[in-house]
Each structure stands twice: as structure tokens, then as C-alpha cells.
Amino acid sequence: MTEVGKAFFIKIYEDAMKVDDREMIAFCHDIFNIYDKHDIDGHIKV
């Protein structure tokens, strides 16, 4: 389930990057930092 969640946030992040949605980009960075902090799904690269 965590892999699906990370993949979902990667998609949101990519879409936000396309339209320069800085608030959503920052939100996704926070989420990715949580994954990193807890060493979850590090094999999935953003």
C-alpha cells in the first residue's frame, strides 16, 4: 500500500510541476520527506 501511495504522490508532484503549482510541490516534498524519514519505499525514486 505504501508503494501505491508514493506512486500517487509522484503523479501529483509531476502534474504540479507542469503547472508550477508551488503549494502542491511543497506539499509533495513534505510527503516525500516523511517517506525518507521512515525509510519507506526508498527504491521508488522521485
PDB file of N, CA and C in Angstrom:
ATOM      1  N   MET A   1       0.818  -1.201   0.000  1.00  0.00           N
ATOM      2  CA  MET A   1       0.000   0.000   0.000  1.00  0.00           C
ATOM      3  C   MET A   1       0.860   1.262   0.000  1.00  0.00           C
ATOM      4  N   THR A   2       1.985   1.237   0.702  1.00  0.00           N
ATOM      5  CA  THR A   2       2.819   2.438   0.732  1.00  0.00           C
ATOM      6  C   THR A   2       3.407   2.745  -0.639  1.00  0.00           C
ATOM      7  N   GLU A   3       3.702   1.699  -1.420  1.00  0.00           N
ATOM      8  CA  GLU A   3       4.217   1.918  -2.772  1.00  0.00           C
ATOM      9  C   GLU A   3       3.177   2.603  -3.645  1.00  0.00           C
ATOM     10  N   VAL A   4       1.942   2.178  -3.535  1.00  0.00           N
ATOM     11  CA  VAL A   4       0.855   2.794  -4.306  1.00  0.00           C
ATOM     12  C   VAL A   4       0.700   4.251  -3.887  1.00  0.00           C
ATOM     13  N   GLY A   5       0.783   4.500  -2.597  1.00  0.00           N
ATOM     14  CA  GLY A   5       0.665   5.868  -2.098  1.00  0.00           C
ATOM     15  C   GLY A   5       1.772   6.759  -2.629  1.00  0.00           C
ATOM     16  N   LYS A   6       3.006   6.261  -2.599  1.00  0.00           N
ATOM     17  CA  LYS A   6       4.121   7.068  -3.091  1.00  0.00           C
ATOM     18  C   LYS A   6       3.968   7.321  -4.589  1.00  0.00           C
ATOM     19  N   ALA A   7       3.570   6.309  -5.340  1.00  0.00           N
ATOM     20  CA  ALA A   7       3.360   6.479  -6.781  1.00  0.00           C
ATOM     21  C   ALA A   7       2.280   7.530  -7.043  1.00  0.00           C
ATOM     22  N   PHE A   8       1.241   7.537  -6.217  1.00  0.00           N
ATOM     23  CA  PHE A   8       0.170   8.527  -6.343  1.00  0.00           C
ATOM     24  C   PHE A   8       0.718   9.933  -6.120  1.00  0.00           C
ATOM     25  N   PHE A   9       1.536  10.111  -5.092  1.00  0.00           N
ATOM     26  CA  PHE A   9       2.093  11.431  -4.814  1.00  0.00           C
ATOM     27  C   PHE A   9       3.112  11.849  -5.879  1.00  0.00           C
ATOM     28  N   ILE A  10       3.806  10.901  -6.465  1.00  0.00           N
ATOM     29  CA  ILE A  10       4.712  11.231  -7.570  1.00  0.00           C
ATOM     30  C   ILE A  10       3.905  11.779  -8.737  1.00  0.00           C
ATOM     31  N   LYS A  11       2.780  11.177  -9.031  1.00  0.00           N
ATOM     32  CA  LYS A  11       1.911  11.667 -10.122  1.00  0.00           C
ATOM     33  C   LYS A  11       1.405  13.068  -9.809  1.00  0.00           C
ATOM     34  N   ILE A  12       0.963  13.296  -8.584  1.00  0.00           N
ATOM     35  CA  ILE A  12       0.509  14.635  -8.186  1.00  0.00           C
ATOM     36  C   ILE A  12       1.648  15.639  -8.336  1.00  0.00           C
ATOM     37  N   TYR A  13       2.845  15.238  -7.893  1.00  0.00           N
ATOM     38  CA  TYR A  13       4.022  16.096  -7.980  1.00  0.00           C
ATOM     39  C   TYR A  13       4.343  16.438  -9.441  1.00  0.00           C
ATOM     40  N   GLU A  14       4.339  15.449 -10.304  1.00  0.00           N
ATOM     41  CA  GLU A  14       4.633  15.690 -11.723  1.00  0.00           C
ATOM     42  C   GLU A  14       3.619  16.643 -12.342  1.00  0.00           C
ATOM     43  N   ASP A  15       2.334  16.460 -12.018  1.00  0.00           N
ATOM     44  CA  ASP A  15       1.300  17.355 -12.535  1.00  0.00           C
ATOM     45  C   ASP A  15       1.486  18.777 -12.003  1.00  0.00           C
ATOM     46  N   ALA A  16       1.840  18.888 -10.730  1.00  0.00           N
ATOM     47  CA  ALA A  16       2.069  20.204 -10.127  1.00  0.00           C
ATOM     48  C   ALA A  16       3.260  20.899 -10.772  1.00  0.00           C
ATOM     49  N   MET A  17       4.288  20.139 -11.100  1.00  0.00           N
ATOM     50  CA  MET A  17       5.464  20.712 -11.755  1.00  0.00           C
ATOM     51  C   MET A  17       5.106  21.289 -13.127  1.00  0.00           C
ATOM     52  N   LYS A  18       4.219  20.617 -13.838  1.00  0.00           N
ATOM     53  CA  LYS A  18       3.823  21.066 -15.178  1.00  0.00           C
ATOM     54  C   LYS A  18       3.153  22.433 -15.142  1.00  0.00           C
ATOM     55  N   VAL A  19       2.412  22.709 -14.082  1.00  0.00           N
ATOM     56  CA  VAL A  19       1.671  23.979 -13.995  1.00  0.00           C
ATOM     57  C   VAL A  19       2.283  24.932 -12.967  1.00  0.00           C
ATOM     58  N   ASP A  20       3.445  24.565 -12.442  1.00  0.00           N
ATOM     59  CA  ASP A  20       4.161  25.377 -11.458  1.00  0.00           C
ATOM     60  C   ASP A  20       3.294  25.707 -10.240  1.00  0.00           C
ATOM     61  N   ASP A  21       2.598  24.682  -9.734  1.00  0.00           N
ATOM     62  CA  ASP A  21       1.778  24.825  -8.524  1.00  0.00           C
ATOM     63  C   ASP A  21       2.696  24.673  -7.315  1.00  0.00           C
ATOM     64  N   ARG A  22       3.260  25.785  -6.888  1.00  0.00           N
ATOM     65  CA  ARG A  22       4.288  25.765  -5.843  1.00  0.00           C
ATOM     66  C   ARG A  22       3.773  25.220  -4.508  1.00  0.00           C
ATOM     67  N   GLU A  23       2.529  25.478  -4.183  1.00  0.00           N
ATOM     68  CA  GLU A  23       1.977  24.974  -2.929  1.00  0.00           C
ATOM     69  C   GLU A  23       1.902  23.445  -2.939  1.00  0.00           C
ATOM     70  N   MET A  24       1.441  22.879  -4.042  1.00  0.00           N
ATOM     71  CA  MET A  24       1.345  21.427  -4.138  1.00  0.00           C
ATOM     72  C   MET A  24       2.729  20.790  -4.236  1.00  0.00           C
ATOM     73  N   ILE A  25       3.657  21.462  -4.912  1.00  0.00           N
ATOM     74  CA  ILE A  25       5.027  20.967  -4.994  1.00  0.00           C
ATOM     75  C   ILE A  25       5.622  20.881  -3.593  1.00  0.00           C
ATOM     76  N   ALA A  26       5.446  21.928  -2.802  1.00  0.00           N
ATOM     77  CA  ALA A  26       5.959  21.946  -1.428  1.00  0.00           C
ATOM     78  C   ALA A  26       5.305  20.856  -0.587  1.00  0.00           C
ATOM     79  N   PHE A  27       4.011  20.664  -0.756  1.00  0.00           N
ATOM     80  CA  PHE A  27       3.290  19.617  -0.028  1.00  0.00           C
ATOM     81  C   PHE A  27       3.868  18.242  -0.353  1.00  0.00           C
ATOM     82  N   CYS A  28       4.082  17.988  -1.637  1.00  0.00           N
ATOM     83  CA  CYS A  28       4.636  16.691  -2.054  1.00  0.00           C
ATOM     84  C   CYS A  28       6.040  16.494  -1.496  1.00  0.00           C
ATOM     85  N   HIS A  29       6.842  17.556  -1.486  1.00  0.00           N
ATOM     86  CA  HIS A  29       8.176  17.452  -0.901  1.00  0.00           C
ATOM     87  C   HIS A  29       8.080  17.036   0.562  1.00  0.00           C
ATOM     88  N   ASP A  30       7.125  17.607   1.284  1.00  0.00           N
ATOM     89  CA  ASP A  30       6.927  17.223   2.686  1.00  0.00           C
ATOM     90  C   ASP A  30       6.583  15.744   2.801  1.00  0.00           C
ATOM     91  N   ILE A  31       5.702  15.271   1.933  1.00  0.00           N
ATOM     92  CA  ILE A  31       5.306  13.856   1.948  1.00  0.00           C
ATOM     93  C   ILE A  31       6.513  12.969   1.630  1.00  0.00           C
ATOM     94  N   PHE A  32       7.297  13.340   0.614  1.00  0.00           N
ATOM     95  CA  PHE A  32       8.479  12.549   0.264  1.00  0.00           C
ATOM     96  C   PHE A  32       9.479  12.527   1.418  1.00  0.00           C
ATOM     97  N   ASN A  33       9.598  13.627   2.136  1.00  0.00           N
ATOM     98  CA  ASN A  33      10.493  13.668   3.293  1.00  0.00           C
ATOM     99  C   ASN A  33      10.036  12.710   4.391  1.00  0.00           C
ATOM    100  N   ILE A  34       8.735  12.558   4.561  1.00  0.00           N
ATOM    101  CA  ILE A  34       8.198  11.600   5.544  1.00  0.00           C
ATOM    102  C   ILE A  34       8.569  10.172   5.130  1.00  0.00           C
ATOM    103  N   TYR A  35       8.416   9.862   3.849  1.00  0.00           N
ATOM    104  CA  TYR A  35       8.822   8.536   3.354  1.00  0.00           C
ATOM    105  C   TYR A  35      10.300   8.307   3.664  1.00  0.00           C
ATOM    106  N   ASP A  36      11.137   9.324   3.377  1.00  0.00           N
ATOM    107  CA  ASP A  36      12.573   9.194   3.621  1.00  0.00           C
ATOM    108  C   ASP A  36      12.871   9.069   5.116  1.00  0.00           C
ATOM    109  N   LYS A  37      12.223   9.871   5.925  1.00  0.00           N
ATOM    110  CA  LYS A  37      12.457   9.860   7.369  1.00  0.00           C
ATOM    111  C   LYS A  37      12.243   8.468   7.962  1.00  0.00           C
ATOM    112  N   HIS A  38      11.227   7.783   7.446  1.00  0.00           N
ATOM    113  CA  HIS A  38      10.874   6.467   7.975  1.00  0.00           C
ATOM    114  C   HIS A  38      11.430   5.327   7.119  1.00  0.00           C
ATOM    115  N   ASP A  39      12.292   5.675   6.153  1.00  0.00           N
ATOM    116  CA  ASP A  39      12.944   4.696   5.284  1.00  0.00           C
ATOM    117  C   ASP A  39      11.931   3.747   4.648  1.00  0.00           C
ATOM    118  N   ILE A  40      10.925   4.349   4.036  1.00  0.00           N
ATOM    119  CA  ILE A  40       9.854   3.586   3.383  1.00  0.00           C
ATOM    120  C   ILE A  40       9.964   3.784   1.870  1.00  0.00           C
ATOM    121  N   ASP A  41      10.002   2.698   1.141  1.00  0.00           N
ATOM    122  CA  ASP A  41       9.969   2.687  -0.328  1.00  0.00           C
ATOM    123  C   ASP A  41      11.062   3.544  -0.957  1.00  0.00           C
ATOM    124  N   GLY A  42      12.254   3.476  -0.404  1.00  0.00           N
ATOM    125  CA  GLY A  42      13.375   4.222  -0.949  1.00  0.00           C
ATOM    126  C   GLY A  42      13.776   3.793  -2.349  1.00  0.00           C
ATOM    127  N   HIS A  43      13.334   2.600  -2.738  1.00  0.00           N
ATOM    128  CA  HIS A  43      13.658   2.110  -4.083  1.00  0.00           C
ATOM    129  C   HIS A  43      12.849   2.813  -5.164  1.00  0.00           C
ATOM    130  N   ILE A  44      11.804   3.524  -4.748  1.00  0.00           N
ATOM    131  CA  ILE A  44      10.988   4.292  -5.707  1.00  0.00           C
ATOM    132  C   ILE A  44      11.528   5.712  -5.711  1.00  0.00           C
ATOM    133  N   LYS A  45      12.118   6.119  -6.799  1.00  0.00           N
ATOM    134  CA  LYS A  45      12.752   7.431  -6.906  1.00  0.00           C
ATOM    135  C   LYS A  45      11.784   8.464  -7.489  1.00  0.00           C
ATOM    136  N   VAL A  46      11.895   9.662  -6.966  1.00  0.00           N
ATOM    137  CA  VAL A  46      11.069  10.782  -7.442  1.00  0.00           C
ATOM    138  C   VAL A  46      11.808  11.495  -8.537  1.00  0.00           C
TER     139      VAL A  46
END
